[in-house]
Amino acid sequence: MRWVSRAAAASVLSWLILLAGWTADALAKDQRQNAPGAFDFYVLSLSWSPSFCAAAEERGNAGRSQQTQCGERSFSFVVHGLWPQYEHGFPDYCQRPAPRLDRRIMASMLDLMPAPGLIYSQWDKHGTCSGLSAQAYFETIRKARAAVKIPAEFVDLAAPKSITADAVEEAFVKDNPGLSRSAIAVMCDRTRLSEVRICMNKDLQFRACEEIDRRACRRDQVVMPPVRGG
């Protein structure tokens, strides 16, 4: 009976040691989690606008919030956001409530992010984690977008295009010196290409990001709906 008690005590002690380790890891993570400016790299997310608008129409919510993006003007790849990332996971909503975004800053970004609601939500969720002022954060988005060349074949797509995710990656890698396959991930829904995500360090240089790459589209073929008006 005494031997059983010692064995039980040893088991409980081992469990407590493991729990202490898990708690220490959690505390270490919490010390940085959602601290503005404390992150490892950015993801520049480029949304294929025709796919977004087609999905919105199917859901029946291509309403006022999408009028600019899904109206008569044609858009190809637009900026979804510039997202601070950890090597594992990401911060979000780092200031609650978020500092109010000046309407003039919002309006200045409509050429790249053609939906006012998107711009406001991206500031609240991701911009507050950058450690930058709103003006500096959206200037950084503009610089990040300028650093990426969209392959010509995608700029004025006039007809639906069936393509592999690998082919999309290869086109971006070919047209962007320094961009490797490990720094880009193509995303899709059940049938369409939805986004291209490109990883950058804080100086906006391309860098590898294994966790982002692991989430990439695994479908054999995806469709790119044509640019409106194409």
Protein backbone atom coordinates (compact mmCIF):
# COMPACT_ATOMS: atom_id res chain seq x y z
CA MET A 1 0.00 0.00 0.00
CA ARG A 2 2.89 2.30 0.84
CA TRP A 3 4.47 1.50 -2.61
CA VAL A 4 1.24 2.46 -4.37
CA SER A 5 1.15 5.77 -2.53
CA ARG A 6 4.71 6.56 -3.56
CA ALA A 7 3.95 5.69 -7.18
CA ALA A 8 0.87 7.90 -7.10
CA ALA A 9 2.88 10.72 -5.59
CA ALA A 10 5.53 10.37 -8.28
CA SER A 11 2.84 10.46 -10.96
CA VAL A 12 1.30 13.59 -9.49
CA LEU A 13 4.75 15.21 -9.24
CA SER A 14 5.48 14.47 -12.90
CA TRP A 15 2.13 15.92 -13.90
CA LEU A 16 2.81 19.08 -11.89
CA ILE A 17 6.22 19.50 -13.55
CA LEU A 18 4.61 19.23 -16.99
CA LEU A 19 1.89 21.68 -15.98
CA ALA A 20 4.51 24.12 -14.75
CA GLY A 21 6.27 23.91 -18.11
CA TRP A 22 3.06 24.53 -20.01
CA THR A 23 2.22 27.46 -17.74
CA ALA A 24 5.68 28.97 -18.27
CA ASP A 25 5.27 28.68 -22.04
CA ALA A 26 1.84 30.29 -21.85
CA LEU A 27 3.14 33.13 -19.73
CA ALA A 28 6.05 33.72 -22.11
CA LYS A 29 3.61 33.89 -25.00
CA ASP A 30 1.22 36.16 -23.13
CA GLN A 31 3.99 38.67 -22.40
CA ARG A 32 4.27 39.39 -26.12
CA GLN A 33 0.78 38.48 -27.31
CA ASN A 34 -0.96 41.57 -28.70
CA ALA A 35 1.81 43.96 -27.63
CA PRO A 36 1.84 46.67 -30.35
CA GLY A 37 4.99 46.49 -32.46
CA ALA A 38 6.20 43.21 -30.96
CA PHE A 39 6.00 40.85 -33.91
CA ASP A 40 8.31 39.06 -36.33
CA PHE A 41 7.18 39.86 -39.88
CA TYR A 42 4.32 41.03 -42.08
CA VAL A 43 1.98 39.21 -44.44
CA LEU A 44 0.82 41.31 -47.37
CA SER A 45 -2.51 39.81 -48.40
CA LEU A 46 -3.61 40.53 -51.97
CA SER A 47 -7.22 39.61 -52.69
CA TRP A 48 -8.36 38.63 -56.19
CA SER A 49 -11.24 41.10 -56.36
CA PRO A 50 -13.34 39.25 -58.98
CA SER A 51 -13.48 36.19 -56.71
CA PHE A 52 -14.49 38.31 -53.73
CA CYS A 53 -17.27 40.00 -55.69
CA ALA A 54 -18.53 36.71 -57.16
CA ALA A 55 -18.72 35.17 -53.69
CA ALA A 56 -20.47 38.26 -52.32
CA GLU A 57 -23.08 38.03 -55.07
CA GLU A 58 -23.67 34.36 -54.33
CA ARG A 59 -24.19 35.15 -50.65
CA GLY A 60 -26.56 37.97 -51.56
CA ASN A 61 -24.57 40.59 -49.68
CA ALA A 62 -22.93 42.54 -52.49
CA GLY A 63 -24.45 45.64 -50.98
CA ARG A 64 -23.32 49.08 -49.96
CA SER A 65 -20.10 47.95 -48.30
CA GLN A 66 -18.93 46.43 -51.60
CA GLN A 67 -20.26 49.10 -53.98
CA THR A 68 -16.85 50.65 -54.59
CA GLN A 69 -15.00 47.38 -55.08
CA CYS A 70 -17.74 45.48 -56.93
CA GLY A 71 -19.22 48.32 -58.95
CA GLU A 72 -18.45 49.38 -62.48
CA ARG A 73 -14.75 50.06 -61.96
CA SER A 74 -12.53 47.05 -62.66
CA PHE A 75 -10.14 45.72 -60.04
CA SER A 76 -7.77 42.77 -60.19
CA PHE A 77 -5.58 42.20 -57.13
CA VAL A 78 -6.41 44.61 -54.31
CA VAL A 79 -4.87 44.87 -50.87
CA HIS A 80 -6.77 42.94 -48.24
CA GLY A 81 -4.34 43.89 -45.52
CA LEU A 82 -0.83 44.02 -44.09
CA TRP A 83 -0.79 41.73 -41.10
CA PRO A 84 1.80 41.58 -38.31
CA GLN A 85 2.72 37.96 -37.61
CA TYR A 86 4.59 35.85 -35.08
CA GLU A 87 6.59 32.87 -36.27
CA HIS A 88 3.64 30.91 -34.89
CA GLY A 89 0.31 32.69 -34.81
CA PHE A 90 -0.43 36.40 -34.97
CA PRO A 91 -1.60 39.31 -32.82
CA ASP A 92 -4.90 41.10 -33.36
CA TYR A 93 -6.91 43.95 -31.86
CA CYS A 94 -3.90 45.19 -29.92
CA GLN A 95 -5.68 48.33 -28.70
CA ARG A 96 -9.26 48.25 -27.44
CA PRO A 97 -10.84 50.51 -28.37
CA ALA A 98 -8.65 51.27 -31.37
CA PRO A 99 -7.66 54.90 -31.95
CA ARG A 100 -10.19 56.39 -34.33
CA LEU A 101 -9.05 56.32 -37.95
CA ASP A 102 -9.19 59.71 -39.66
CA ARG A 103 -11.58 59.65 -42.59
CA ARG A 104 -9.00 61.39 -44.77
CA ILE A 105 -6.58 58.50 -44.28
CA MET A 106 -9.32 56.05 -45.20
CA ALA A 107 -10.15 57.98 -48.37
CA SER A 108 -6.49 58.10 -49.38
CA MET A 109 -6.33 54.28 -49.46
CA LEU A 110 -9.35 53.56 -51.64
CA ASP A 111 -7.20 53.08 -54.74
CA LEU A 112 -5.52 50.06 -53.12
CA MET A 113 -8.25 48.90 -50.72
CA PRO A 114 -11.52 49.83 -52.46
CA ALA A 115 -13.92 49.33 -49.55
CA PRO A 116 -14.16 51.82 -46.67
CA GLY A 117 -15.31 49.15 -44.22
CA LEU A 118 -12.28 47.03 -45.04
CA ILE A 119 -9.89 49.89 -44.34
CA TYR A 120 -11.46 50.66 -40.96
CA SER A 121 -11.54 46.99 -39.92
CA GLN A 122 -7.95 46.36 -40.99
CA TRP A 123 -6.77 49.27 -38.86
CA ASP A 124 -8.68 48.04 -35.83
CA LYS A 125 -7.60 44.39 -36.15
CA HIS A 126 -4.09 44.57 -37.61
CA GLY A 127 -2.90 48.15 -37.77
CA THR A 128 -3.10 48.57 -34.01
CA CYS A 129 -0.60 45.70 -33.69
CA SER A 130 2.00 47.33 -35.93
CA GLY A 131 3.24 49.79 -33.33
CA LEU A 132 2.81 52.54 -35.95
CA SER A 133 0.51 55.52 -36.13
CA ALA A 134 -2.40 55.16 -38.52
CA GLN A 135 -0.69 57.43 -41.05
CA ALA A 136 2.55 55.45 -40.89
CA TYR A 137 0.76 52.09 -41.02
CA PHE A 138 -1.12 52.91 -44.20
CA GLU A 139 2.01 54.42 -45.73
CA THR A 140 3.69 51.09 -44.99
CA ILE A 141 0.86 49.26 -46.76
CA ARG A 142 1.40 51.46 -49.81
CA LYS A 143 5.14 50.77 -49.77
CA ALA A 144 4.58 47.03 -49.36
CA ARG A 145 2.17 46.96 -52.28
CA ALA A 146 4.61 48.95 -54.43
CA ALA A 147 7.29 46.34 -53.70
CA VAL A 148 5.24 43.62 -55.41
CA LYS A 149 4.81 43.43 -59.18
CA ILE A 150 1.57 41.82 -60.32
CA PRO A 151 2.26 39.51 -63.29
CA ALA A 152 0.90 41.04 -66.50
CA GLU A 153 -1.27 38.01 -67.25
CA PHE A 154 -3.41 38.81 -64.19
CA VAL A 155 -3.78 42.57 -64.58
CA ASP A 156 -6.55 42.70 -67.21
CA LEU A 157 -7.89 39.17 -67.19
CA ALA A 158 -10.69 39.21 -69.75
CA ALA A 159 -12.04 35.66 -69.42
CA PRO A 160 -12.25 33.06 -66.64
CA LYS A 161 -8.90 31.34 -66.17
CA SER A 162 -8.34 27.85 -64.78
CA ILE A 163 -4.92 27.63 -63.21
CA THR A 164 -2.95 25.76 -60.59
CA ALA A 165 -1.81 27.42 -57.38
CA ASP A 166 1.75 26.46 -58.33
CA ALA A 167 1.45 28.36 -61.60
CA VAL A 168 0.27 31.48 -59.80
CA GLU A 169 3.17 31.24 -57.36
CA GLU A 170 5.63 30.71 -60.18
CA ALA A 171 4.35 33.77 -62.05
CA PHE A 172 4.84 35.98 -58.98
CA VAL A 173 8.27 34.53 -58.25
CA LYS A 174 9.38 35.07 -61.84
CA ASP A 175 8.34 38.74 -61.85
CA ASN A 176 9.62 39.62 -58.36
CA PRO A 177 13.38 39.20 -57.87
CA GLY A 178 14.17 37.94 -54.38
CA LEU A 179 10.76 36.35 -53.87
CA SER A 180 11.00 32.60 -53.24
CA ARG A 181 8.32 29.93 -53.23
CA SER A 182 8.71 29.72 -49.44
CA ALA A 183 7.65 33.37 -49.08
CA ILE A 184 4.35 33.18 -50.95
CA ALA A 185 1.10 31.27 -50.45
CA VAL A 186 -1.88 31.11 -52.78
CA MET A 187 -5.24 30.78 -51.04
CA CYS A 188 -8.50 29.45 -52.48
CA ASP A 189 -12.05 28.55 -51.58
CA ARG A 190 -13.83 25.49 -53.00
CA THR A 191 -13.46 26.62 -56.60
CA ARG A 192 -11.78 30.03 -56.89
CA LEU A 193 -8.44 31.61 -56.22
CA SER A 194 -9.07 34.03 -53.37
CA GLU A 195 -5.77 35.56 -52.26
CA VAL A 196 -2.03 35.67 -52.70
CA ARG A 197 -0.16 36.16 -49.42
CA ILE A 198 3.42 37.38 -49.46
CA CYS A 199 5.68 37.45 -46.41
CA MET A 200 7.95 40.42 -45.72
CA ASN A 201 10.21 41.45 -42.89
CA LYS A 202 9.71 44.78 -41.16
CA ASP A 203 11.89 46.42 -43.82
CA LEU A 204 9.49 45.03 -46.47
CA GLN A 205 12.01 42.58 -47.90
CA PHE A 206 10.68 39.18 -48.92
CA ARG A 207 11.24 36.40 -46.38
CA ALA A 208 10.28 32.78 -45.88
CA CYS A 209 7.28 31.93 -43.69
CA GLU A 210 6.68 28.22 -43.24
CA GLU A 211 3.48 28.51 -41.23
CA ILE A 212 1.81 30.70 -43.87
CA ASP A 213 3.00 28.43 -46.66
CA ARG A 214 1.51 25.37 -44.95
CA ARG A 215 -1.98 26.93 -45.19
CA ALA A 216 -1.77 27.35 -48.97
CA CYS A 217 -4.35 26.07 -51.44
CA ARG A 218 -4.04 22.33 -52.14
CA ARG A 219 -6.57 22.05 -54.97
CA ASP A 220 -5.41 20.82 -58.35
CA GLN A 221 -7.08 23.68 -60.23
CA VAL A 222 -8.72 26.94 -59.24
CA VAL A 223 -10.67 29.47 -61.28
CA MET A 224 -9.83 33.17 -61.55
CA PRO A 225 -13.03 34.99 -62.58
CA PRO A 226 -12.34 37.79 -65.09
CA VAL A 227 -11.79 41.40 -64.16
CA ARG A 228 -15.06 43.30 -64.41
CA GLY A 229 -15.34 45.08 -67.69
CA GLY A 230 -12.67 42.83 -69.14
